[in-house]
Amino acid sequence: MLQELENLELLEEDGEPLESEWHVVQIHLLDDIVREHLGTRNDYFCGGNMFVYYSVEQARAINAGRPAYKGPDFFVVRNVDGSKPRRYWVAWEEGGRYPDLVIELISPRTAKKDKEENLVFYARVLRVPEYFWYDQDTGELRGYSLVDEHYEPLAPNEWGWLWSQILEAYMGVWEGVYKGRRYRWLRLYRADGSLVPTPHELAEQERQRAEQAEAELERLRALLRERGIEA
């Protein structure tokens, strides 16, 4: 068995492009905000459009040319070495660990699979504790929590956000501009309702605070000069 595992060719992609530009950018956004929310700790791994190898049988099927690919749009695994470089997620090389959270981004081509088939697959095969899907075209967001071998729907709060126990944050729809593109994006909100910022938004907030502080300092200097006091 060990010799077979060493000889298996693990592919990184199936040659299928992502559904749209929005899908590509949304995956980058999720990676940005999850890392911002979880901070600099190294005990988690984020994967985007990355193959998950969950069994030797699946790897054999792919090697034989059969379509057994599984590549979630975005997933998070907790309590693993996040600094380790990975080209794909291989369960038997990760102590049998599977994703703790999966997010699928709906397209017309994948809608049936993401809304129906994955509810069974992620619950019974990978046993993913939390599964979310988001349809940008309609703004519809759904989330599920694993109970035994099936999913129970998560109830939205008054703003339509869904609480993720894995991330300890809400998922919700936010309309605005990210990397020069205006869409209805899937974003994270903290428990207090504040939006988890992207690195660019964080830098912009810091710039505005610095400008405000400088403006206040200049106002005080002008006031002192009016009173004949040099600062």
Protein backbone atom coordinates (compact mmCIF):
# COMPACT_ATOMS: atom_id res chain seq x y z
CA MET A 1 0.00 0.00 0.00
CA LEU A 2 2.79 2.46 0.90
CA GLN A 3 4.53 1.75 -2.40
CA GLU A 4 1.28 2.34 -4.27
CA LEU A 5 0.73 5.66 -2.50
CA GLU A 6 4.23 6.79 -3.43
CA ASN A 7 3.64 5.89 -7.08
CA LEU A 8 0.23 7.57 -7.39
CA GLU A 9 0.32 10.71 -9.52
CA LEU A 10 -1.67 13.40 -7.72
CA LEU A 11 -2.93 15.97 -10.20
CA GLU A 12 -3.26 19.63 -9.25
CA GLU A 13 -6.00 20.58 -11.70
CA ASP A 14 -8.56 19.06 -14.03
CA GLY A 15 -8.11 21.57 -16.84
CA GLU A 16 -11.46 23.23 -16.12
CA PRO A 17 -11.25 27.02 -15.59
CA LEU A 18 -13.18 28.76 -12.83
CA GLU A 19 -16.68 29.79 -13.82
CA SER A 20 -16.10 33.55 -14.05
CA GLU A 21 -13.86 36.42 -13.06
CA TRP A 22 -16.07 36.92 -10.01
CA HIS A 23 -15.33 33.37 -8.82
CA VAL A 24 -11.58 33.98 -9.03
CA VAL A 25 -11.71 37.29 -7.17
CA GLN A 26 -14.20 36.05 -4.54
CA ILE A 27 -11.84 33.20 -3.63
CA HIS A 28 -9.02 35.73 -3.15
CA LEU A 29 -11.35 37.86 -1.01
CA LEU A 30 -12.29 34.92 1.21
CA ASP A 31 -8.62 34.08 1.70
CA ASP A 32 -7.84 37.71 2.60
CA ILE A 33 -10.60 38.12 5.17
CA VAL A 34 -10.29 34.70 6.81
CA ARG A 35 -6.57 35.29 7.34
CA GLU A 36 -7.25 38.80 8.63
CA HIS A 37 -9.89 37.48 11.03
CA LEU A 38 -7.83 34.55 12.33
CA GLY A 39 -4.65 36.61 12.55
CA THR A 40 -1.01 35.60 12.37
CA ARG A 41 -1.43 32.21 14.05
CA ASN A 42 -0.18 29.21 12.09
CA ASP A 43 -2.61 26.52 13.22
CA TYR A 44 -4.98 26.57 10.25
CA PHE A 45 -4.89 26.14 6.48
CA CYS A 46 -6.96 27.88 3.80
CA GLY A 47 -7.38 26.28 0.39
CA GLY A 48 -8.91 27.88 -2.68
CA ASN A 49 -9.95 25.90 -5.77
CA MET A 50 -7.61 23.16 -4.57
CA PHE A 51 -8.05 19.43 -5.01
CA VAL A 52 -8.92 17.41 -1.93
CA TYR A 53 -7.74 13.80 -2.04
CA TYR A 54 -9.90 12.02 0.50
CA SER A 55 -9.24 8.34 -0.27
CA VAL A 56 -6.83 6.06 -2.09
CA GLU A 57 -9.75 4.77 -4.18
CA GLN A 58 -10.44 8.30 -5.40
CA ALA A 59 -6.76 8.83 -6.30
CA ARG A 60 -6.74 5.52 -8.19
CA ALA A 61 -9.83 6.58 -10.14
CA ILE A 62 -8.24 9.90 -11.13
CA ASN A 63 -5.05 8.10 -12.18
CA ALA A 64 -7.19 5.82 -14.33
CA GLY A 65 -8.76 8.84 -16.04
CA ARG A 66 -12.13 8.67 -14.30
CA PRO A 67 -13.69 11.98 -13.11
CA ALA A 68 -13.39 11.67 -9.33
CA TYR A 69 -12.09 15.18 -8.70
CA LYS A 70 -13.14 17.12 -5.61
CA GLY A 71 -11.95 20.70 -5.45
CA PRO A 72 -14.00 22.97 -3.15
CA ASP A 73 -13.97 26.63 -4.09
CA PHE A 74 -12.75 27.47 -0.59
CA PHE A 75 -12.08 25.46 2.55
CA VAL A 76 -10.51 25.80 5.99
CA VAL A 77 -8.81 23.14 8.10
CA ARG A 78 -8.09 23.89 11.74
CA ASN A 79 -5.36 22.59 14.05
CA VAL A 80 -2.84 21.83 11.32
CA ASP A 81 0.52 23.31 10.33
CA GLY A 82 -0.51 26.34 8.29
CA SER A 83 3.06 27.16 7.28
CA LYS A 84 3.47 23.92 5.32
CA PRO A 85 3.31 24.51 1.53
CA ARG A 86 0.68 22.40 -0.21
CA ARG A 87 -0.32 21.99 -3.86
CA TYR A 88 -3.38 19.93 -2.89
CA TRP A 89 -4.90 18.51 0.28
CA VAL A 90 -4.10 14.82 0.78
CA ALA A 91 -5.98 13.35 3.73
CA TRP A 92 -3.61 10.43 4.33
CA GLU A 93 -0.65 12.83 4.48
CA GLU A 94 -2.49 15.05 6.98
CA GLY A 95 -3.31 12.51 9.67
CA GLY A 96 -6.69 11.73 8.11
CA ARG A 97 -7.85 15.34 8.41
CA TYR A 98 -10.58 16.71 6.16
CA PRO A 99 -11.83 20.30 5.82
CA ASP A 100 -13.67 21.76 8.80
CA LEU A 101 -15.48 24.29 6.64
CA VAL A 102 -16.28 24.37 2.92
CA ILE A 103 -17.70 27.23 0.83
CA GLU A 104 -18.97 26.65 -2.69
CA LEU A 105 -19.68 29.54 -5.07
CA ILE A 106 -22.72 28.78 -7.20
CA SER A 107 -22.81 28.98 -10.97
CA PRO A 108 -25.52 27.74 -13.36
CA ARG A 109 -23.32 24.75 -14.21
CA THR A 110 -22.66 23.74 -10.60
CA ALA A 111 -25.95 24.75 -8.95
CA LYS A 112 -27.46 21.25 -8.69
CA LYS A 113 -24.22 19.73 -7.41
CA ASP A 114 -23.54 22.48 -4.87
CA LYS A 115 -27.12 22.80 -3.59
CA GLU A 116 -28.07 19.12 -3.52
CA GLU A 117 -25.33 16.56 -4.16
CA ASN A 118 -22.72 18.21 -1.95
CA LEU A 119 -25.14 18.20 0.99
CA VAL A 120 -24.81 14.43 0.94
CA PHE A 121 -21.15 14.14 -0.06
CA TYR A 122 -19.73 16.63 2.45
CA ALA A 123 -21.90 15.21 5.25
CA ARG A 124 -21.39 11.50 4.69
CA VAL A 125 -18.01 11.19 2.97
CA LEU A 126 -15.86 14.08 4.20
CA ARG A 127 -18.00 14.80 7.28
CA VAL A 128 -17.35 18.53 6.98
CA PRO A 129 -18.70 20.23 10.15
CA GLU A 130 -19.89 23.35 8.28
CA TYR A 131 -20.93 23.79 4.66
CA PHE A 132 -21.94 27.06 2.99
CA TRP A 133 -22.93 27.94 -0.54
CA TYR A 134 -23.42 31.39 -2.04
CA ASP A 135 -25.14 32.40 -5.29
CA GLN A 136 -23.88 35.82 -6.38
CA ASP A 137 -26.49 36.11 -9.12
CA THR A 138 -29.38 35.96 -6.64
CA GLY A 139 -27.60 37.01 -3.44
CA GLU A 140 -28.77 33.77 -1.81
CA LEU A 141 -26.61 32.38 1.00
CA ARG A 142 -27.18 29.07 2.75
CA GLY A 143 -25.25 27.40 5.56
CA TYR A 144 -25.42 24.01 7.23
CA SER A 145 -24.06 22.39 10.37
CA LEU A 146 -23.29 18.67 10.55
CA VAL A 147 -25.48 16.65 12.92
CA ASP A 148 -24.63 12.94 12.88
CA GLU A 149 -24.51 12.18 9.13
CA HIS A 150 -26.75 14.93 7.81
CA TYR A 151 -26.84 18.71 7.68
CA GLU A 152 -29.15 21.00 9.62
CA PRO A 153 -29.73 24.46 8.07
CA LEU A 154 -28.29 27.44 9.93
CA ALA A 155 -30.80 30.12 10.85
CA PRO A 156 -29.95 33.64 9.63
CA ASN A 157 -29.94 36.61 11.98
CA GLU A 158 -31.94 39.80 11.37
CA TRP A 159 -29.49 40.91 8.65
CA GLY A 160 -29.51 37.56 6.90
CA TRP A 161 -26.05 36.61 8.16
CA LEU A 162 -25.12 33.06 9.14
CA TRP A 163 -22.93 32.27 12.14
CA SER A 164 -19.90 30.05 11.56
CA GLN A 165 -18.79 28.29 14.72
CA ILE A 166 -15.60 27.20 12.95
CA LEU A 167 -14.55 30.78 12.14
CA GLU A 168 -16.36 32.39 15.08
CA ALA A 169 -17.75 34.98 12.69
CA TYR A 170 -20.85 35.68 10.63
CA MET A 171 -21.00 35.18 6.88
CA GLY A 172 -23.05 37.74 5.03
CA VAL A 173 -23.54 39.47 1.70
CA TRP A 174 -21.86 42.86 1.21
CA GLU A 175 -22.25 45.01 -1.88
CA GLY A 176 -19.26 47.15 -2.71
CA VAL A 177 -15.93 47.42 -4.49
CA TYR A 178 -13.09 44.95 -4.05
CA LYS A 179 -10.02 45.13 -6.29
CA GLY A 180 -11.81 47.57 -8.57
CA ARG A 181 -14.87 45.35 -9.08
CA ARG A 182 -18.35 46.04 -7.75
CA TYR A 183 -20.36 42.95 -6.88
CA ARG A 184 -22.36 41.40 -4.07
CA TRP A 185 -19.50 39.74 -2.24
CA LEU A 186 -19.51 37.10 0.48
CA ARG A 187 -17.85 38.70 3.52
CA LEU A 188 -17.17 38.01 7.20
CA TYR A 189 -18.61 39.99 10.09
CA ARG A 190 -17.36 39.83 13.66
CA ALA A 191 -19.62 38.91 16.56
CA ASP A 192 -20.13 42.63 17.28
CA GLY A 193 -21.43 43.17 13.73
CA SER A 194 -18.34 44.95 12.38
CA LEU A 195 -17.07 44.01 8.93
CA VAL A 196 -13.78 42.09 8.82
CA PRO A 197 -11.60 44.35 6.63
CA THR A 198 -9.38 43.32 3.77
CA PRO A 199 -5.68 44.28 4.00
CA HIS A 200 -6.37 47.17 1.58
CA GLU A 201 -9.30 48.41 3.65
CA LEU A 202 -7.21 48.13 6.81
CA ALA A 203 -4.40 50.18 5.23
CA GLU A 204 -6.94 52.79 4.08
CA GLN A 205 -8.37 53.03 7.60
CA GLU A 206 -4.87 53.57 8.99
CA ARG A 207 -4.18 56.25 6.37
CA GLN A 208 -7.39 58.10 7.22
CA ARG A 209 -6.62 57.93 10.95
CA ALA A 210 -3.14 59.34 10.32
CA GLU A 211 -4.57 62.17 8.20
CA GLN A 212 -7.16 62.99 10.86
CA ALA A 213 -4.49 63.01 13.57
CA GLU A 214 -2.28 65.29 11.47
CA ALA A 215 -5.21 67.63 10.76
CA GLU A 216 -6.04 67.83 14.47
CA LEU A 217 -2.39 68.53 15.30
CA GLU A 218 -2.28 71.33 12.71
CA ARG A 219 -5.51 72.80 14.14
CA LEU A 220 -3.96 72.91 17.61
CA ARG A 221 -0.77 74.50 16.25
CA ALA A 222 -2.82 77.18 14.48
CA LEU A 223 -4.72 77.87 17.71
CA LEU A 224 -1.47 78.29 19.61
CA ARG A 225 -0.08 80.63 16.94
CA GLU A 226 -3.20 82.80 17.24
CA ARG A 227 -2.36 83.17 20.91
CA GLY A 228 1.24 84.02 20.17
CA ILE A 229 2.60 80.69 21.26
CA GLU A 230 5.02 78.87 18.98
CA ALA A 231 4.60 75.09 19.01
